[in-house]
Amino acid sequence: MTALDIIPEVACPPTDLWSDEPPLESDLHLQQIIILLSCLELLWRERSDYYASGNLTIYYKAEQLKKRDFWGPDFFVVLDTEKRPRKSWVVWREQGKYPDVIVEILSDSTANIDRNNKKILYQNTFRTPNYFWFDPNTLELQGFRLIEGQYQAISPNEQGYLWSEQLGLYLGIFDRKLRYFTADGQLVPTPQEAELQQRQAKEQALLEKEQALFEQERERQAKEKLSQKLRELGIDPDTI
């Protein structure tokens, strides 16, 4: 018997795990997650150093696989990682990285867990720097910043927006939806809003161009009319 024969076999937890999240609570939850995800992807379209997803399982310890004790935030962002599709977020496969930002969409069945159990988990285990929750029905918005290991409530600005230093953006309510705002308070558009803005900008530019051409033609006609009048008076307009 050799030394290798007596070394116990080490069982490594799997890494290629599918997400195991339940269906979303309502259409409002789905719409809200799509807004958060699509707006960030549009704003950060030149970046490839982050991962964002919604209603996706985060596997953070091997015991989960036995107890089926899974936690999947409604929306989360991990910074300084590779942007690529994933079946789930497996912490031990991602160099031990946890989300830097988490947003939970409250519902009657999950609000108590989101405000208590998940808040404690995100604070003590995930150590997630920014945690927010939003109720799409009551429009309750609350945010927390991790300071010395404890979540401290984020104070809203004059507009009621909450600052996320991790995203470099505010989170606030617009048209009864949770939206991003830039540091100077500008609404981050959805892809549909951005497309509409671009179309309106092109239409405005075309209108201004047509208006300029109209003004040029009117000036030309006025100049031609004046020249004709001068000729009738025996005056050569080219000598004036």
C-alpha atoms as a PDB file:
ATOM      1  CA  MET A   1       0.000   0.000   0.000  1.00  0.00           C
ATOM      2  CA  THR A   2       1.348   3.408  -0.950  1.00  0.00           C
ATOM      3  CA  ALA A   3       0.742   6.816   0.569  1.00  0.00           C
ATOM      4  CA  LEU A   4      -1.591   7.616  -2.313  1.00  0.00           C
ATOM      5  CA  ASP A   5      -3.793   4.648  -1.391  1.00  0.00           C
ATOM      6  CA  ILE A   6      -4.641   6.068   2.041  1.00  0.00           C
ATOM      7  CA  ILE A   7      -5.393   9.668   0.948  1.00  0.00           C
ATOM      8  CA  PRO A   8      -9.164  10.165   1.342  1.00  0.00           C
ATOM      9  CA  GLU A   9     -11.074  11.051  -1.786  1.00  0.00           C
ATOM     10  CA  VAL A  10     -12.039  14.734  -1.863  1.00  0.00           C
ATOM     11  CA  ALA A  11     -15.554  15.355  -3.122  1.00  0.00           C
ATOM     12  CA  CYS A  12     -15.635  18.603  -5.051  1.00  0.00           C
ATOM     13  CA  PRO A  13     -19.019  20.253  -5.443  1.00  0.00           C
ATOM     14  CA  PRO A  14     -20.301  20.519  -9.031  1.00  0.00           C
ATOM     15  CA  THR A  15     -20.032  23.785 -10.890  1.00  0.00           C
ATOM     16  CA  ASP A  16     -22.275  23.362 -13.921  1.00  0.00           C
ATOM     17  CA  LEU A  17     -25.599  23.887 -12.137  1.00  0.00           C
ATOM     18  CA  TRP A  18     -28.894  25.017 -13.605  1.00  0.00           C
ATOM     19  CA  SER A  19     -30.879  27.759 -11.907  1.00  0.00           C
ATOM     20  CA  ASP A  20     -33.686  26.398  -9.732  1.00  0.00           C
ATOM     21  CA  GLU A  21     -35.808  29.497  -9.142  1.00  0.00           C
ATOM     22  CA  PRO A  22     -39.638  29.441  -8.919  1.00  0.00           C
ATOM     23  CA  PRO A  23     -41.768  31.398 -11.414  1.00  0.00           C
ATOM     24  CA  LEU A  24     -41.996  35.149 -10.958  1.00  0.00           C
ATOM     25  CA  GLU A  25     -44.768  36.505  -8.758  1.00  0.00           C
ATOM     26  CA  SER A  26     -46.473  38.649 -11.395  1.00  0.00           C
ATOM     27  CA  ASP A  27     -46.111  40.517 -14.666  1.00  0.00           C
ATOM     28  CA  LEU A  28     -44.992  43.546 -12.635  1.00  0.00           C
ATOM     29  CA  HIS A  29     -42.025  41.543 -11.341  1.00  0.00           C
ATOM     30  CA  LEU A  30     -41.079  40.448 -14.855  1.00  0.00           C
ATOM     31  CA  GLN A  31     -41.423  43.957 -16.287  1.00  0.00           C
ATOM     32  CA  GLN A  32     -39.344  45.418 -13.467  1.00  0.00           C
ATOM     33  CA  ILE A  33     -36.519  42.906 -13.877  1.00  0.00           C
ATOM     34  CA  ILE A  34     -36.452  43.483 -17.651  1.00  0.00           C
ATOM     35  CA  ILE A  35     -36.228  47.251 -17.111  1.00  0.00           C
ATOM     36  CA  LEU A  36     -33.341  46.968 -14.649  1.00  0.00           C
ATOM     37  CA  LEU A  37     -31.458  44.539 -16.851  1.00  0.00           C
ATOM     38  CA  SER A  38     -32.036  46.136 -20.255  1.00  0.00           C
ATOM     39  CA  CYS A  39     -31.315  49.696 -19.085  1.00  0.00           C
ATOM     40  CA  LEU A  40     -28.015  48.655 -17.510  1.00  0.00           C
ATOM     41  CA  GLU A  41     -27.001  46.654 -20.575  1.00  0.00           C
ATOM     42  CA  LEU A  42     -27.710  49.647 -22.803  1.00  0.00           C
ATOM     43  CA  LEU A  43     -25.871  52.071 -20.519  1.00  0.00           C
ATOM     44  CA  TRP A  44     -22.889  49.714 -20.127  1.00  0.00           C
ATOM     45  CA  ARG A  45     -22.903  48.422 -23.710  1.00  0.00           C
ATOM     46  CA  GLU A  46     -19.180  49.120 -24.070  1.00  0.00           C
ATOM     47  CA  ARG A  47     -18.318  47.192 -20.899  1.00  0.00           C
ATOM     48  CA  SER A  48     -17.556  43.487 -20.577  1.00  0.00           C
ATOM     49  CA  ASP A  49     -16.400  43.435 -16.934  1.00  0.00           C
ATOM     50  CA  TYR A  50     -19.694  42.739 -15.186  1.00  0.00           C
ATOM     51  CA  TYR A  51     -22.490  40.212 -14.971  1.00  0.00           C
ATOM     52  CA  ALA A  52     -26.142  41.080 -14.377  1.00  0.00           C
ATOM     53  CA  SER A  53     -29.122  38.781 -14.201  1.00  0.00           C
ATOM     54  CA  GLY A  54     -32.527  38.286 -12.651  1.00  0.00           C
ATOM     55  CA  ASN A  55     -34.387  35.462 -10.911  1.00  0.00           C
ATOM     56  CA  LEU A  56     -31.259  33.306 -11.129  1.00  0.00           C
ATOM     57  CA  THR A  57     -30.074  30.927  -8.412  1.00  0.00           C
ATOM     58  CA  ILE A  58     -26.920  31.822  -6.490  1.00  0.00           C
ATOM     59  CA  TYR A  59     -25.196  28.681  -5.204  1.00  0.00           C
ATOM     60  CA  TYR A  60     -22.905  29.755  -2.379  1.00  0.00           C
ATOM     61  CA  LYS A  61     -22.268  26.561  -0.398  1.00  0.00           C
ATOM     62  CA  ALA A  62     -22.238  22.858  -1.185  1.00  0.00           C
ATOM     63  CA  GLU A  63     -24.808  22.074   1.517  1.00  0.00           C
ATOM     64  CA  GLN A  64     -27.411  23.810  -0.622  1.00  0.00           C
ATOM     65  CA  LEU A  65     -27.340  20.911  -3.046  1.00  0.00           C
ATOM     66  CA  LYS A  66     -28.386  18.496  -0.329  1.00  0.00           C
ATOM     67  CA  LYS A  67     -30.907  20.705   1.476  1.00  0.00           C
ATOM     68  CA  ARG A  68     -32.144  22.440  -1.703  1.00  0.00           C
ATOM     69  CA  ASP A  69     -31.708  25.685   0.188  1.00  0.00           C
ATOM     70  CA  PHE A  70     -31.364  28.026  -2.781  1.00  0.00           C
ATOM     71  CA  TRP A  71     -31.437  31.805  -2.920  1.00  0.00           C
ATOM     72  CA  GLY A  72     -32.076  33.688  -6.115  1.00  0.00           C
ATOM     73  CA  PRO A  73     -32.302  37.497  -6.011  1.00  0.00           C
ATOM     74  CA  ASP A  74     -34.805  39.117  -8.330  1.00  0.00           C
ATOM     75  CA  PHE A  75     -31.949  41.167  -9.782  1.00  0.00           C
ATOM     76  CA  PHE A  76     -28.228  41.306  -9.063  1.00  0.00           C
ATOM     77  CA  VAL A  77     -24.977  42.664 -10.463  1.00  0.00           C
ATOM     78  CA  VAL A  78     -21.458  41.294 -10.020  1.00  0.00           C
ATOM     79  CA  LEU A  79     -18.608  43.643 -10.918  1.00  0.00           C
ATOM     80  CA  ASP A  80     -15.096  42.813 -12.118  1.00  0.00           C
ATOM     81  CA  THR A  81     -16.095  39.529 -13.727  1.00  0.00           C
ATOM     82  CA  GLU A  82     -16.604  38.133 -17.213  1.00  0.00           C
ATOM     83  CA  LYS A  83     -19.776  39.065 -19.050  1.00  0.00           C
ATOM     84  CA  ARG A  84     -21.078  35.810 -20.511  1.00  0.00           C
ATOM     85  CA  PRO A  85     -24.217  33.644 -20.271  1.00  0.00           C
ATOM     86  CA  ARG A  86     -24.533  31.415 -17.214  1.00  0.00           C
ATOM     87  CA  LYS A  87     -27.000  28.748 -16.063  1.00  0.00           C
ATOM     88  CA  SER A  88     -26.678  30.018 -12.496  1.00  0.00           C
ATOM     89  CA  TRP A  89     -24.191  31.909 -10.337  1.00  0.00           C
ATOM     90  CA  VAL A  90     -21.946  29.365  -8.629  1.00  0.00           C
ATOM     91  CA  VAL A  91     -19.774  31.223  -6.115  1.00  0.00           C
ATOM     92  CA  TRP A  92     -17.066  28.564  -5.842  1.00  0.00           C
ATOM     93  CA  ARG A  93     -16.698  28.625  -9.626  1.00  0.00           C
ATOM     94  CA  GLU A  94     -16.506  32.433  -9.768  1.00  0.00           C
ATOM     95  CA  GLN A  95     -13.417  32.957  -7.575  1.00  0.00           C
ATOM     96  CA  GLY A  96     -15.645  33.342  -4.531  1.00  0.00           C
ATOM     97  CA  LYS A  97     -17.390  36.425  -5.889  1.00  0.00           C
ATOM     98  CA  TYR A  98     -20.788  37.431  -4.541  1.00  0.00           C
ATOM     99  CA  PRO A  99     -23.112  40.110  -5.963  1.00  0.00           C
ATOM    100  CA  ASP A 100     -22.083  43.740  -5.484  1.00  0.00           C
ATOM    101  CA  VAL A 101     -25.667  44.956  -5.891  1.00  0.00           C
ATOM    102  CA  ILE A 102     -28.928  43.130  -5.184  1.00  0.00           C
ATOM    103  CA  VAL A 103     -32.493  44.311  -5.795  1.00  0.00           C
ATOM    104  CA  GLU A 104     -35.506  42.401  -4.505  1.00  0.00           C
ATOM    105  CA  ILE A 105     -39.001  43.081  -5.852  1.00  0.00           C
ATOM    106  CA  LEU A 106     -41.399  42.771  -2.935  1.00  0.00           C
ATOM    107  CA  SER A 107     -44.676  40.855  -2.993  1.00  0.00           C
ATOM    108  CA  ASP A 108     -47.150  39.783  -0.336  1.00  0.00           C
ATOM    109  CA  SER A 109     -45.588  36.320  -0.156  1.00  0.00           C
ATOM    110  CA  THR A 110     -41.922  37.384  -0.139  1.00  0.00           C
ATOM    111  CA  ALA A 111     -41.811  40.797   1.565  1.00  0.00           C
ATOM    112  CA  ASN A 112     -41.124  39.453   5.049  1.00  0.00           C
ATOM    113  CA  ILE A 113     -38.306  37.201   3.796  1.00  0.00           C
ATOM    114  CA  ASP A 114     -36.799  40.010   1.698  1.00  0.00           C
ATOM    115  CA  ARG A 115     -36.857  42.446   4.629  1.00  0.00           C
ATOM    116  CA  ASN A 116     -35.457  39.992   7.159  1.00  0.00           C
ATOM    117  CA  ASN A 117     -33.979  36.613   6.140  1.00  0.00           C
ATOM    118  CA  LYS A 118     -32.482  37.760   2.874  1.00  0.00           C
ATOM    119  CA  LYS A 119     -31.264  41.029   4.327  1.00  0.00           C
ATOM    120  CA  ILE A 120     -29.361  39.104   7.007  1.00  0.00           C
ATOM    121  CA  LEU A 121     -27.973  36.672   4.422  1.00  0.00           C
ATOM    122  CA  TYR A 122     -26.844  39.441   2.086  1.00  0.00           C
ATOM    123  CA  GLN A 123     -25.267  41.321   4.986  1.00  0.00           C
ATOM    124  CA  ASN A 124     -23.525  38.509   6.847  1.00  0.00           C
ATOM    125  CA  THR A 125     -22.745  35.905   4.179  1.00  0.00           C
ATOM    126  CA  PHE A 126     -22.824  37.589   0.779  1.00  0.00           C
ATOM    127  CA  ARG A 127     -21.385  40.843   2.160  1.00  0.00           C
ATOM    128  CA  THR A 128     -23.145  42.588  -0.705  1.00  0.00           C
ATOM    129  CA  PRO A 129     -22.250  46.318  -0.571  1.00  0.00           C
ATOM    130  CA  ASN A 130     -25.623  47.614  -1.834  1.00  0.00           C
ATOM    131  CA  TYR A 131     -29.013  46.025  -1.170  1.00  0.00           C
ATOM    132  CA  PHE A 132     -32.326  47.505  -2.341  1.00  0.00           C
ATOM    133  CA  TRP A 133     -35.917  46.422  -2.249  1.00  0.00           C
ATOM    134  CA  PHE A 134     -38.874  47.848  -4.161  1.00  0.00           C
ATOM    135  CA  ASP A 135     -42.600  47.180  -3.954  1.00  0.00           C
ATOM    136  CA  PRO A 136     -44.206  47.713  -7.397  1.00  0.00           C
ATOM    137  CA  ASN A 137     -47.648  48.045  -5.803  1.00  0.00           C
ATOM    138  CA  THR A 138     -47.049  50.410  -2.884  1.00  0.00           C
ATOM    139  CA  LEU A 139     -43.903  51.961  -4.436  1.00  0.00           C
ATOM    140  CA  GLU A 140     -41.943  51.387  -1.227  1.00  0.00           C
ATOM    141  CA  LEU A 141     -38.227  51.816  -1.957  1.00  0.00           C
ATOM    142  CA  GLN A 142     -35.486  51.126   0.567  1.00  0.00           C
ATOM    143  CA  GLY A 143     -31.752  50.844   0.133  1.00  0.00           C
ATOM    144  CA  PHE A 144     -28.830  49.804   2.311  1.00  0.00           C
ATOM    145  CA  ARG A 145     -25.066  50.296   2.232  1.00  0.00           C
ATOM    146  CA  LEU A 146     -22.721  47.875   3.996  1.00  0.00           C
ATOM    147  CA  ILE A 147     -20.663  49.841   6.523  1.00  0.00           C
ATOM    148  CA  GLU A 148     -18.319  47.982   8.871  1.00  0.00           C
ATOM    149  CA  GLY A 149     -20.217  44.770   8.288  1.00  0.00           C
ATOM    150  CA  GLN A 150     -23.669  46.213   8.996  1.00  0.00           C
ATOM    151  CA  TYR A 151     -26.336  47.502   6.636  1.00  0.00           C
ATOM    152  CA  GLN A 152     -27.058  51.202   7.069  1.00  0.00           C
ATOM    153  CA  ALA A 153     -30.053  52.803   5.369  1.00  0.00           C
ATOM    154  CA  ILE A 154     -29.211  54.975   2.357  1.00  0.00           C
ATOM    155  CA  SER A 155     -30.615  58.485   2.692  1.00  0.00           C
ATOM    156  CA  PRO A 156     -32.563  59.686  -0.361  1.00  0.00           C
ATOM    157  CA  ASN A 157     -31.650  62.886  -2.174  1.00  0.00           C
ATOM    158  CA  GLU A 158     -34.104  65.736  -2.793  1.00  0.00           C
ATOM    159  CA  GLN A 159     -35.767  63.769  -5.588  1.00  0.00           C
ATOM    160  CA  GLY A 160     -36.120  60.687  -3.411  1.00  0.00           C
ATOM    161  CA  TYR A 161     -33.421  58.768  -5.304  1.00  0.00           C
ATOM    162  CA  LEU A 162     -31.021  56.370  -3.562  1.00  0.00           C
ATOM    163  CA  TRP A 163     -27.346  56.390  -4.554  1.00  0.00           C
ATOM    164  CA  SER A 164     -25.509  53.170  -5.380  1.00  0.00           C
ATOM    165  CA  GLU A 165     -21.763  53.745  -5.337  1.00  0.00           C
ATOM    166  CA  GLN A 166     -21.302  50.278  -6.808  1.00  0.00           C
ATOM    167  CA  LEU A 167     -23.276  51.158  -9.935  1.00  0.00           C
ATOM    168  CA  GLY A 168     -22.387  54.845  -9.941  1.00  0.00           C
ATOM    169  CA  LEU A 169     -26.107  55.485 -10.397  1.00  0.00           C
ATOM    170  CA  TYR A 170     -29.166  56.511  -8.456  1.00  0.00           C
ATOM    171  CA  LEU A 171     -32.166  54.236  -8.100  1.00  0.00           C
ATOM    172  CA  GLY A 172     -35.512  56.003  -8.003  1.00  0.00           C
ATOM    173  CA  ILE A 173     -39.118  55.759  -9.065  1.00  0.00           C
ATOM    174  CA  PHE A 174     -40.332  56.991 -12.436  1.00  0.00           C
ATOM    175  CA  ASP A 175     -43.779  56.224 -13.840  1.00  0.00           C
ATOM    176  CA  ARG A 176     -44.310  53.681 -11.022  1.00  0.00           C
ATOM    177  CA  LYS A 177     -41.208  51.714 -12.003  1.00  0.00           C
ATOM    178  CA  LEU A 178     -37.801  51.435 -10.363  1.00  0.00           C
ATOM    179  CA  ARG A 179     -35.342  53.163 -12.690  1.00  0.00           C
ATOM    180  CA  TYR A 180     -31.727  54.270 -12.876  1.00  0.00           C
ATOM    181  CA  PHE A 181     -30.702  57.917 -12.855  1.00  0.00           C
ATOM    182  CA  THR A 182     -27.264  59.329 -13.615  1.00  0.00           C
ATOM    183  CA  ALA A 183     -25.265  61.304 -11.074  1.00  0.00           C
ATOM    184  CA  ASP A 184     -26.758  64.537 -12.465  1.00  0.00           C
ATOM    185  CA  GLY A 185     -30.289  63.167 -12.195  1.00  0.00           C
ATOM    186  CA  GLN A 186     -30.910  62.185 -15.821  1.00  0.00           C
ATOM    187  CA  LEU A 187     -33.178  59.182 -16.410  1.00  0.00           C
ATOM    188  CA  VAL A 188     -31.345  56.225 -17.950  1.00  0.00           C
ATOM    189  CA  PRO A 189     -33.557  55.233 -20.901  1.00  0.00           C
ATOM    190  CA  THR A 190     -34.821  51.805 -21.780  1.00  0.00           C
ATOM    191  CA  PRO A 191     -33.800  50.516 -25.240  1.00  0.00           C
ATOM    192  CA  GLN A 192     -37.272  51.460 -26.502  1.00  0.00           C
ATOM    193  CA  GLU A 193     -37.018  54.962 -25.056  1.00  0.00           C
ATOM    194  CA  ALA A 194     -33.513  55.387 -26.470  1.00  0.00           C
ATOM    195  CA  GLU A 195     -34.734  54.309 -29.911  1.00  0.00           C
ATOM    196  CA  LEU A 196     -37.616  56.773 -29.704  1.00  0.00           C
ATOM    197  CA  GLN A 197     -35.253  59.546 -28.639  1.00  0.00           C
ATOM    198  CA  GLN A 198     -32.935  58.809 -31.562  1.00  0.00           C
ATOM    199  CA  ARG A 199     -35.859  58.784 -33.994  1.00  0.00           C
ATOM    200  CA  GLN A 200     -37.187  62.069 -32.618  1.00  0.00           C
ATOM    201  CA  ALA A 201     -33.697  63.599 -32.796  1.00  0.00           C
ATOM    202  CA  LYS A 202     -33.387  62.558 -36.465  1.00  0.00           C
ATOM    203  CA  GLU A 203     -36.852  63.931 -37.227  1.00  0.00           C
ATOM    204  CA  GLN A 204     -35.978  67.197 -35.485  1.00  0.00           C
ATOM    205  CA  ALA A 205     -32.690  67.442 -37.398  1.00  0.00           C
ATOM    206  CA  LEU A 206     -34.532  66.824 -40.677  1.00  0.00           C
ATOM    207  CA  LEU A 207     -37.153  69.427 -39.774  1.00  0.00           C
ATOM    208  CA  GLU A 208     -34.457  71.985 -38.955  1.00  0.00           C
ATOM    209  CA  LYS A 209     -32.694  71.215 -42.230  1.00  0.00           C
ATOM    210  CA  GLU A 210     -35.923  71.641 -44.187  1.00  0.00           C
ATOM    211  CA  GLN A 211     -36.605  74.898 -42.337  1.00  0.00           C
ATOM    212  CA  ALA A 212     -33.114  76.166 -43.196  1.00  0.00           C
ATOM    213  CA  LEU A 213     -33.622  75.284 -46.866  1.00  0.00           C
ATOM    214  CA  PHE A 214     -36.997  77.045 -46.809  1.00  0.00           C
ATOM    215  CA  GLU A 215     -35.421  80.177 -45.331  1.00  0.00           C
ATOM    216  CA  GLN A 216     -32.645  80.090 -47.955  1.00  0.00           C
ATOM    217  CA  GLU A 217     -35.198  79.751 -50.745  1.00  0.00           C
ATOM    218  CA  ARG A 218     -37.286  82.600 -49.325  1.00  0.00           C
ATOM    219  CA  GLU A 219     -34.186  84.826 -49.127  1.00  0.00           C
ATOM    220  CA  ARG A 220     -33.261  83.877 -52.702  1.00  0.00           C
ATOM    221  CA  GLN A 221     -36.743  84.734 -53.933  1.00  0.00           C
ATOM    222  CA  ALA A 222     -36.738  88.042 -52.052  1.00  0.00           C
ATOM    223  CA  LYS A 223     -33.317  88.886 -53.493  1.00  0.00           C
ATOM    224  CA  GLU A 224     -34.476  87.962 -56.990  1.00  0.00           C
ATOM    225  CA  LYS A 225     -37.610  90.094 -56.576  1.00  0.00           C
ATOM    226  CA  LEU A 226     -35.502  93.064 -55.456  1.00  0.00           C
ATOM    227  CA  SER A 227     -33.118  92.612 -58.391  1.00  0.00           C
ATOM    228  CA  GLN A 228     -36.048  92.533 -60.818  1.00  0.00           C
ATOM    229  CA  LYS A 229     -37.448  95.758 -59.330  1.00  0.00           C
ATOM    230  CA  LEU A 230     -34.069  97.479 -59.652  1.00  0.00           C
ATOM    231  CA  ARG A 231     -33.820  96.460 -63.313  1.00  0.00           C
ATOM    232  CA  GLU A 232     -37.274  97.928 -63.946  1.00  0.00           C
ATOM    233  CA  LEU A 233     -35.924 101.165 -62.504  1.00  0.00           C
ATOM    234  CA  GLY A 234     -32.910 100.979 -64.830  1.00  0.00           C
ATOM    235  CA  ILE A 235     -30.495 100.038 -62.088  1.00  0.00           C
ATOM    236  CA  ASP A 236     -28.079  97.184 -62.494  1.00  0.00           C
ATOM    237  CA  PRO A 237     -28.301  95.194 -59.171  1.00  0.00           C
ATOM    238  CA  ASP A 238     -24.786  93.799 -59.729  1.00  0.00           C
ATOM    239  CA  THR A 239     -23.315  97.288 -59.376  1.00  0.00           C
ATOM    240  CA  ILE A 240     -24.847  97.905 -55.980  1.00  0.00           C
END
